[in-house]
């Protein structure tokens, strides 16, 4: 039998309610999303749909995913705007996922249409979407996996 223990809410924890999405609040204060939602509803606080600014507490584990996932996906996951994620990533000097400033080499271009797109993407460090775009631009056929 599982015994539940409840921790009283502090004013500081309640201050986050409605200012950020429930998932973000739950990560910041260390409570479940369900618990956060219940408390927010009990206090009659409306759900925060799209925050305008970044949360005052930016968790280190959020920094860990910058550049590994698209900014839009990170923004949805943490309940912030794309601009907030973009700004934080730029502050830390992290490239966007799939961003590569190095031009395509002749050898890399030669792989397009000879190797499957996913293999070219992996070998070049570029996104699959970018490889497909380049392949279509070069009028080369897609190679089946």
N, C-alpha and C. Protein backbone atom coordinates (compact mmCIF):
# COMPACT_ATOMS: atom_id res chain seq x y z
N UNK A 1 0.83 -1.17 0.00
CA UNK A 1 0.00 0.00 0.00
C UNK A 1 0.89 1.25 0.00
N UNK A 2 0.57 2.17 -0.90
CA UNK A 2 1.37 3.38 -1.03
C UNK A 2 0.75 4.49 -0.17
N UNK A 3 1.57 5.09 0.67
CA UNK A 3 1.09 6.18 1.51
C UNK A 3 1.54 7.49 0.88
N UNK A 4 0.58 8.37 0.67
CA UNK A 4 0.90 9.67 0.06
C UNK A 4 1.18 10.70 1.14
N UNK A 5 2.16 11.50 0.86
CA UNK A 5 2.45 12.60 1.77
C UNK A 5 2.32 13.89 0.97
N UNK A 6 1.73 14.89 1.58
CA UNK A 6 1.55 16.17 0.91
C UNK A 6 2.43 17.23 1.51
N UNK A 7 2.97 18.01 0.65
CA UNK A 7 3.81 19.11 1.06
C UNK A 7 2.98 20.38 0.86
N UNK A 8 2.96 21.24 1.86
CA UNK A 8 2.19 22.48 1.75
C UNK A 8 2.79 23.38 0.67
N UNK A 9 1.93 24.12 0.00
CA UNK A 9 2.36 25.05 -1.03
C UNK A 9 2.89 26.32 -0.38
N UNK A 10 3.96 26.84 -0.95
CA UNK A 10 4.51 28.11 -0.46
C UNK A 10 4.00 29.22 -1.38
N UNK A 11 4.08 30.45 -0.92
CA UNK A 11 3.68 31.60 -1.74
C UNK A 11 4.56 31.71 -2.98
N UNK A 12 5.83 31.37 -2.83
CA UNK A 12 6.77 31.42 -3.96
C UNK A 12 6.33 30.43 -5.05
N UNK A 13 5.94 29.22 -4.64
CA UNK A 13 5.48 28.22 -5.61
C UNK A 13 4.19 28.69 -6.29
N UNK A 14 3.28 29.22 -5.52
CA UNK A 14 2.00 29.67 -6.07
C UNK A 14 2.19 30.84 -7.04
N UNK A 15 3.25 31.61 -6.85
CA UNK A 15 3.50 32.75 -7.72
C UNK A 15 3.77 32.33 -9.17
N UNK A 16 4.25 31.12 -9.39
CA UNK A 16 4.50 30.62 -10.74
C UNK A 16 3.21 30.25 -11.47
N UNK A 17 2.16 29.92 -10.74
CA UNK A 17 0.92 29.44 -11.34
C UNK A 17 0.31 30.50 -12.25
N UNK A 18 -0.04 30.07 -13.48
CA UNK A 18 -0.67 30.96 -14.44
C UNK A 18 0.31 31.83 -15.21
N UNK A 19 1.54 31.92 -14.75
CA UNK A 19 2.54 32.72 -15.46
C UNK A 19 3.30 31.89 -16.49
N UNK A 20 3.37 30.60 -16.25
CA UNK A 20 4.02 29.67 -17.16
C UNK A 20 3.13 28.45 -17.29
N UNK A 21 3.36 27.65 -18.31
CA UNK A 21 2.57 26.44 -18.50
C UNK A 21 2.80 25.50 -17.32
N UNK A 22 1.79 24.68 -17.04
CA UNK A 22 1.84 23.79 -15.89
C UNK A 22 3.07 22.88 -15.91
N UNK A 23 3.45 22.41 -17.08
CA UNK A 23 4.62 21.52 -17.18
C UNK A 23 5.89 22.23 -16.74
N UNK A 24 6.02 23.48 -17.14
CA UNK A 24 7.20 24.26 -16.76
C UNK A 24 7.21 24.50 -15.26
N UNK A 25 6.05 24.89 -14.71
CA UNK A 25 5.95 25.12 -13.26
C UNK A 25 6.30 23.86 -12.50
N UNK A 26 5.81 22.72 -12.97
CA UNK A 26 6.08 21.46 -12.28
C UNK A 26 7.58 21.16 -12.23
N UNK A 27 8.30 21.47 -13.30
CA UNK A 27 9.74 21.23 -13.32
C UNK A 27 10.48 22.20 -12.39
N UNK A 28 10.01 23.44 -12.36
CA UNK A 28 10.67 24.44 -11.54
C UNK A 28 10.52 24.14 -10.05
N UNK A 29 9.29 23.78 -9.65
CA UNK A 29 9.03 23.61 -8.22
C UNK A 29 9.13 22.17 -7.74
N UNK A 30 9.25 21.23 -8.66
CA UNK A 30 9.42 19.82 -8.27
C UNK A 30 8.15 19.12 -7.86
N UNK A 31 7.04 19.49 -8.46
CA UNK A 31 5.76 18.81 -8.21
C UNK A 31 5.25 18.25 -9.54
N UNK A 32 4.31 17.33 -9.46
CA UNK A 32 3.77 16.75 -10.69
C UNK A 32 2.91 17.77 -11.43
N UNK A 33 2.77 17.56 -12.73
CA UNK A 33 1.93 18.43 -13.55
C UNK A 33 0.50 18.38 -13.03
N UNK A 34 0.07 17.20 -12.67
CA UNK A 34 -1.29 17.02 -12.14
C UNK A 34 -1.51 17.84 -10.87
N UNK A 35 -0.54 17.84 -9.99
CA UNK A 35 -0.60 18.59 -8.74
C UNK A 35 -0.65 20.09 -9.02
N UNK A 36 0.18 20.54 -9.95
CA UNK A 36 0.23 21.96 -10.31
C UNK A 36 -1.12 22.39 -10.89
N UNK A 37 -1.67 21.60 -11.79
CA UNK A 37 -2.95 21.92 -12.40
C UNK A 37 -4.05 21.99 -11.35
N UNK A 38 -4.06 21.02 -10.45
CA UNK A 38 -5.08 20.98 -9.40
C UNK A 38 -5.02 22.24 -8.55
N UNK A 39 -3.82 22.66 -8.16
CA UNK A 39 -3.66 23.83 -7.30
C UNK A 39 -4.07 25.10 -8.05
N UNK A 40 -3.68 25.18 -9.32
CA UNK A 40 -4.02 26.35 -10.13
C UNK A 40 -5.52 26.50 -10.26
N UNK A 41 -6.19 25.38 -10.54
CA UNK A 41 -7.65 25.40 -10.67
C UNK A 41 -8.32 25.74 -9.34
N UNK A 42 -7.81 25.18 -8.26
CA UNK A 42 -8.37 25.44 -6.93
C UNK A 42 -8.31 26.92 -6.59
N UNK A 43 -7.22 27.58 -7.03
CA UNK A 43 -7.06 29.01 -6.75
C UNK A 43 -7.75 29.89 -7.79
N UNK A 44 -8.35 29.25 -8.81
CA UNK A 44 -9.06 30.01 -9.85
C UNK A 44 -8.14 30.77 -10.78
N UNK A 45 -6.93 30.26 -10.99
CA UNK A 45 -5.95 30.91 -11.87
C UNK A 45 -6.06 30.31 -13.26
N UNK A 46 -6.11 31.18 -14.27
CA UNK A 46 -6.21 30.71 -15.65
C UNK A 46 -4.90 30.09 -16.12
N UNK A 47 -5.03 29.19 -17.09
CA UNK A 47 -3.89 28.50 -17.69
C UNK A 47 -3.07 29.46 -18.53
N UNK A 48 -1.77 29.44 -18.40
CA UNK A 48 -0.89 30.28 -19.20
C UNK A 48 -0.66 29.59 -20.54
N UNK A 49 -1.15 30.17 -21.61
CA UNK A 49 -1.01 29.55 -22.93
C UNK A 49 0.33 29.85 -23.56
N UNK A 50 0.65 31.12 -23.73
CA UNK A 50 1.91 31.49 -24.37
C UNK A 50 2.56 32.58 -23.55
N UNK A 51 3.59 32.23 -22.81
CA UNK A 51 4.27 33.27 -22.04
C UNK A 51 4.99 34.25 -22.96
N UNK A 52 5.07 35.48 -22.53
CA UNK A 52 5.71 36.51 -23.33
C UNK A 52 7.21 36.54 -23.05
N UNK A 53 7.58 36.28 -21.82
CA UNK A 53 8.99 36.33 -21.46
C UNK A 53 9.46 34.98 -20.97
N UNK A 54 10.76 34.87 -20.83
CA UNK A 54 11.36 33.63 -20.33
C UNK A 54 11.06 33.48 -18.85
N UNK A 55 10.99 32.26 -18.38
CA UNK A 55 10.83 32.07 -16.94
C UNK A 55 12.03 32.65 -16.21
N UNK A 56 11.80 33.20 -15.03
CA UNK A 56 12.91 33.78 -14.26
C UNK A 56 13.92 32.70 -13.88
N UNK A 57 13.45 31.47 -13.76
CA UNK A 57 14.34 30.36 -13.43
C UNK A 57 14.53 29.53 -14.69
N UNK A 58 15.71 29.59 -15.26
CA UNK A 58 16.03 28.77 -16.43
C UNK A 58 16.85 27.60 -15.91
N UNK A 59 16.29 26.41 -16.03
CA UNK A 59 16.93 25.23 -15.46
C UNK A 59 18.11 24.76 -16.30
N UNK A 60 19.19 24.30 -15.64
CA UNK A 60 20.36 23.81 -16.37
C UNK A 60 20.02 22.68 -17.34
N UNK A 61 19.05 21.84 -16.98
CA UNK A 61 18.72 20.74 -17.88
C UNK A 61 18.07 21.24 -19.16
N UNK A 62 17.53 22.45 -19.15
CA UNK A 62 16.98 23.04 -20.37
C UNK A 62 18.13 23.42 -21.30
N UNK A 63 19.22 23.94 -20.73
CA UNK A 63 20.38 24.29 -21.54
C UNK A 63 20.95 23.06 -22.25
N UNK A 64 20.82 21.92 -21.60
CA UNK A 64 21.39 20.68 -22.14
C UNK A 64 20.75 20.27 -23.46
N UNK A 65 19.49 20.66 -23.73
CA UNK A 65 18.84 20.26 -24.97
C UNK A 65 18.95 21.31 -26.08
N UNK A 66 19.48 22.49 -25.74
CA UNK A 66 19.63 23.53 -26.77
C UNK A 66 20.59 23.05 -27.85
N UNK A 67 20.14 23.17 -29.10
CA UNK A 67 20.96 22.74 -30.23
C UNK A 67 20.79 21.27 -30.56
N UNK A 68 20.18 20.51 -29.67
CA UNK A 68 19.97 19.08 -29.93
C UNK A 68 18.59 18.82 -30.52
N UNK A 69 17.66 19.76 -30.23
CA UNK A 69 16.31 19.69 -30.77
C UNK A 69 16.01 21.02 -31.44
N UNK A 70 15.04 21.05 -32.37
CA UNK A 70 14.67 22.34 -32.97
C UNK A 70 14.14 23.30 -31.89
N UNK A 71 14.41 24.60 -32.06
CA UNK A 71 13.97 25.59 -31.09
C UNK A 71 12.47 25.52 -30.84
N UNK A 72 11.69 25.31 -31.91
CA UNK A 72 10.24 25.27 -31.76
C UNK A 72 9.79 24.11 -30.86
N UNK A 73 10.46 22.98 -30.97
CA UNK A 73 10.13 21.83 -30.14
C UNK A 73 10.49 22.09 -28.68
N UNK A 74 11.64 22.71 -28.44
CA UNK A 74 12.06 23.04 -27.08
C UNK A 74 11.08 24.05 -26.48
N UNK A 75 10.68 25.03 -27.27
CA UNK A 75 9.74 26.05 -26.80
C UNK A 75 8.43 25.41 -26.36
N UNK A 76 7.89 24.51 -27.17
CA UNK A 76 6.64 23.81 -26.80
C UNK A 76 6.84 22.98 -25.54
N UNK A 77 7.95 22.27 -25.48
CA UNK A 77 8.22 21.38 -24.35
C UNK A 77 8.31 22.13 -23.03
N UNK A 78 8.92 23.32 -23.03
CA UNK A 78 9.13 24.06 -21.79
C UNK A 78 8.17 25.22 -21.60
N UNK A 79 7.25 25.39 -22.56
CA UNK A 79 6.22 26.42 -22.40
C UNK A 79 6.72 27.84 -22.53
N UNK A 80 7.66 28.06 -23.42
CA UNK A 80 8.16 29.41 -23.67
C UNK A 80 8.05 29.68 -25.17
N UNK A 81 8.29 30.90 -25.58
CA UNK A 81 8.22 31.24 -27.00
C UNK A 81 9.49 30.79 -27.72
N UNK A 82 9.38 30.68 -29.04
CA UNK A 82 10.55 30.32 -29.85
C UNK A 82 11.66 31.36 -29.68
N UNK A 83 11.26 32.61 -29.56
CA UNK A 83 12.24 33.69 -29.42
C UNK A 83 13.05 33.53 -28.13
N UNK A 84 12.39 33.11 -27.06
CA UNK A 84 13.07 32.91 -25.78
C UNK A 84 14.15 31.83 -25.93
N UNK A 85 13.79 30.74 -26.59
CA UNK A 85 14.75 29.64 -26.79
C UNK A 85 15.89 30.11 -27.70
N UNK A 86 15.54 30.79 -28.78
CA UNK A 86 16.53 31.32 -29.72
C UNK A 86 17.52 32.23 -29.00
N UNK A 87 16.99 33.15 -28.19
CA UNK A 87 17.84 34.10 -27.46
C UNK A 87 18.79 33.39 -26.50
N UNK A 88 18.26 32.43 -25.75
CA UNK A 88 19.09 31.70 -24.79
C UNK A 88 20.19 30.93 -25.50
N UNK A 89 19.83 30.28 -26.61
CA UNK A 89 20.80 29.50 -27.37
C UNK A 89 21.91 30.40 -27.91
N UNK A 90 21.55 31.58 -28.41
CA UNK A 90 22.53 32.54 -28.92
C UNK A 90 23.43 33.05 -27.80
N UNK A 91 22.83 33.30 -26.60
CA UNK A 91 23.63 33.77 -25.46
C UNK A 91 24.73 32.78 -25.10
N UNK A 92 24.40 31.50 -25.24
CA UNK A 92 25.36 30.46 -24.89
C UNK A 92 26.27 30.07 -26.06
N UNK A 93 26.02 30.66 -27.23
CA UNK A 93 26.85 30.36 -28.40
C UNK A 93 26.64 28.97 -28.96
N UNK A 94 25.42 28.46 -28.85
CA UNK A 94 25.10 27.11 -29.33
C UNK A 94 24.42 27.22 -30.69
N UNK A 95 24.89 26.43 -31.65
CA UNK A 95 24.28 26.42 -32.98
C UNK A 95 22.91 25.73 -32.91
N UNK A 96 22.03 26.14 -33.81
CA UNK A 96 20.71 25.50 -33.91
C UNK A 96 20.88 24.09 -34.45
N UNK A 97 19.93 23.22 -34.14
CA UNK A 97 19.99 21.84 -34.64
C UNK A 97 20.02 21.86 -36.17
N UNK A 98 20.98 21.16 -36.72
CA UNK A 98 21.08 21.06 -38.18
C UNK A 98 21.81 22.24 -38.82
N UNK A 99 22.15 23.24 -38.03
CA UNK A 99 22.84 24.41 -38.57
C UNK A 99 24.30 24.08 -38.80
N UNK A 100 24.75 24.36 -39.98
CA UNK A 100 26.15 24.12 -40.30
C UNK A 100 26.65 25.28 -41.15
N UNK A 101 27.68 25.93 -40.73
CA UNK A 101 28.20 27.06 -41.48
C UNK A 101 29.19 26.60 -42.55
N UNK A 102 29.68 25.39 -42.43
CA UNK A 102 30.64 24.88 -43.41
C UNK A 102 29.90 24.56 -44.70
N UNK A 103 30.45 24.99 -45.84
CA UNK A 103 29.80 24.67 -47.12
C UNK A 103 29.92 23.19 -47.44
N UNK A 104 29.05 22.74 -48.31
CA UNK A 104 29.11 21.35 -48.75
C UNK A 104 30.41 21.14 -49.52
N UNK A 105 31.08 20.03 -49.25
CA UNK A 105 32.28 19.69 -50.02
C UNK A 105 31.85 18.94 -51.28
N UNK A 106 32.74 18.88 -52.26
CA UNK A 106 32.44 18.14 -53.49
C UNK A 106 32.16 16.67 -53.18
N UNK A 107 32.91 16.12 -52.24
CA UNK A 107 32.73 14.72 -51.87
C UNK A 107 31.33 14.51 -51.27
N UNK A 108 30.91 15.42 -50.39
CA UNK A 108 29.58 15.30 -49.78
C UNK A 108 28.49 15.40 -50.84
N UNK A 109 28.64 16.31 -51.76
CA UNK A 109 27.65 16.49 -52.83
C UNK A 109 27.59 15.22 -53.69
N UNK A 110 28.73 14.57 -53.89
CA UNK A 110 28.75 13.36 -54.71
C UNK A 110 27.96 12.21 -54.08
N UNK A 111 27.80 12.24 -52.76
CA UNK A 111 27.03 11.19 -52.07
C UNK A 111 25.53 11.30 -52.35
N UNK A 112 25.08 12.51 -52.64
CA UNK A 112 23.64 12.73 -52.84
C UNK A 112 23.20 12.02 -54.11
N UNK A 113 22.22 11.16 -53.97
CA UNK A 113 21.72 10.38 -55.10
C UNK A 113 22.43 9.05 -55.25
N UNK A 114 23.56 8.86 -54.54
CA UNK A 114 24.27 7.59 -54.55
C UNK A 114 24.04 6.82 -53.26
N UNK A 115 23.83 7.56 -52.17
CA UNK A 115 23.55 6.97 -50.86
C UNK A 115 22.15 7.40 -50.42
N UNK A 116 21.51 6.62 -49.56
CA UNK A 116 20.21 7.05 -49.03
C UNK A 116 20.33 8.38 -48.29
N UNK A 117 19.28 9.20 -48.35
CA UNK A 117 19.29 10.53 -47.74
C UNK A 117 19.66 10.50 -46.26
N UNK A 118 19.14 9.51 -45.53
CA UNK A 118 19.42 9.46 -44.09
C UNK A 118 20.91 9.19 -43.82
N UNK A 119 21.55 8.44 -44.68
CA UNK A 119 22.98 8.17 -44.53
C UNK A 119 23.79 9.44 -44.82
N UNK A 120 23.39 10.16 -45.87
CA UNK A 120 24.07 11.41 -46.21
C UNK A 120 23.91 12.41 -45.06
N UNK A 121 22.71 12.50 -44.51
CA UNK A 121 22.45 13.41 -43.39
C UNK A 121 23.34 13.08 -42.20
N UNK A 122 23.44 11.80 -41.90
CA UNK A 122 24.26 11.36 -40.76
C UNK A 122 25.75 11.65 -41.00
N UNK A 123 26.21 11.35 -42.20
CA UNK A 123 27.64 11.53 -42.51
C UNK A 123 28.05 13.00 -42.56
N UNK A 124 27.12 13.87 -42.99
CA UNK A 124 27.45 15.29 -43.14
C UNK A 124 27.09 16.12 -41.91
N UNK A 125 26.28 15.54 -41.02
CA UNK A 125 25.85 16.28 -39.84
C UNK A 125 24.76 17.29 -40.15
N UNK A 126 24.08 17.10 -41.26
CA UNK A 126 23.00 18.00 -41.65
C UNK A 126 21.66 17.29 -41.46
N UNK A 127 20.60 18.07 -41.48
CA UNK A 127 19.28 17.49 -41.28
C UNK A 127 18.84 16.71 -42.52
N UNK A 128 17.99 15.74 -42.29
CA UNK A 128 17.43 14.95 -43.40
C UNK A 128 16.66 15.86 -44.35
N UNK A 129 15.95 16.82 -43.78
CA UNK A 129 15.18 17.77 -44.59
C UNK A 129 16.10 18.55 -45.53
N UNK A 130 17.25 18.97 -45.04
CA UNK A 130 18.21 19.73 -45.85
C UNK A 130 18.78 18.86 -46.97
N UNK A 131 19.09 17.61 -46.65
CA UNK A 131 19.64 16.70 -47.67
C UNK A 131 18.61 16.49 -48.78
N UNK A 132 17.35 16.29 -48.41
CA UNK A 132 16.29 16.10 -49.42
C UNK A 132 16.15 17.35 -50.28
N UNK A 133 16.23 18.50 -49.66
CA UNK A 133 16.11 19.76 -50.38
C UNK A 133 17.23 19.90 -51.41
N UNK A 134 18.45 19.60 -50.99
CA UNK A 134 19.61 19.69 -51.90
C UNK A 134 19.47 18.66 -53.03
N UNK A 135 19.03 17.43 -52.67
CA UNK A 135 18.87 16.39 -53.69
C UNK A 135 17.86 16.82 -54.76
N UNK A 136 16.75 17.39 -54.31
CA UNK A 136 15.72 17.85 -55.26
C UNK A 136 16.26 19.00 -56.12
N UNK A 137 17.02 19.87 -55.51
CA UNK A 137 17.62 21.00 -56.23
C UNK A 137 18.59 20.50 -57.32
N UNK A 138 19.29 19.41 -57.01
CA UNK A 138 20.25 18.84 -57.97
C UNK A 138 19.57 17.90 -58.97
N UNK A 139 18.26 17.71 -58.83
CA UNK A 139 17.48 16.81 -59.71
C UNK A 139 18.02 15.39 -59.71
N UNK A 140 18.34 14.90 -58.51
CA UNK A 140 18.83 13.53 -58.38
C UNK A 140 17.74 12.68 -57.75
N UNK A 141 17.73 11.40 -58.14
CA UNK A 141 16.73 10.48 -57.61
C UNK A 141 17.06 10.04 -56.20
N UNK A 142 16.00 9.75 -55.46
CA UNK A 142 16.19 9.26 -54.09
C UNK A 142 16.56 7.78 -54.12
N UNK A 143 17.49 7.40 -53.28
CA UNK A 143 17.93 6.01 -53.20
C UNK A 143 17.16 5.35 -52.06
N UNK A 144 16.55 4.21 -52.34
CA UNK A 144 15.79 3.47 -51.33
C UNK A 144 16.75 2.87 -50.30
N UNK A 145 16.27 2.81 -49.08
CA UNK A 145 17.09 2.26 -47.98
C UNK A 145 17.14 0.77 -48.05
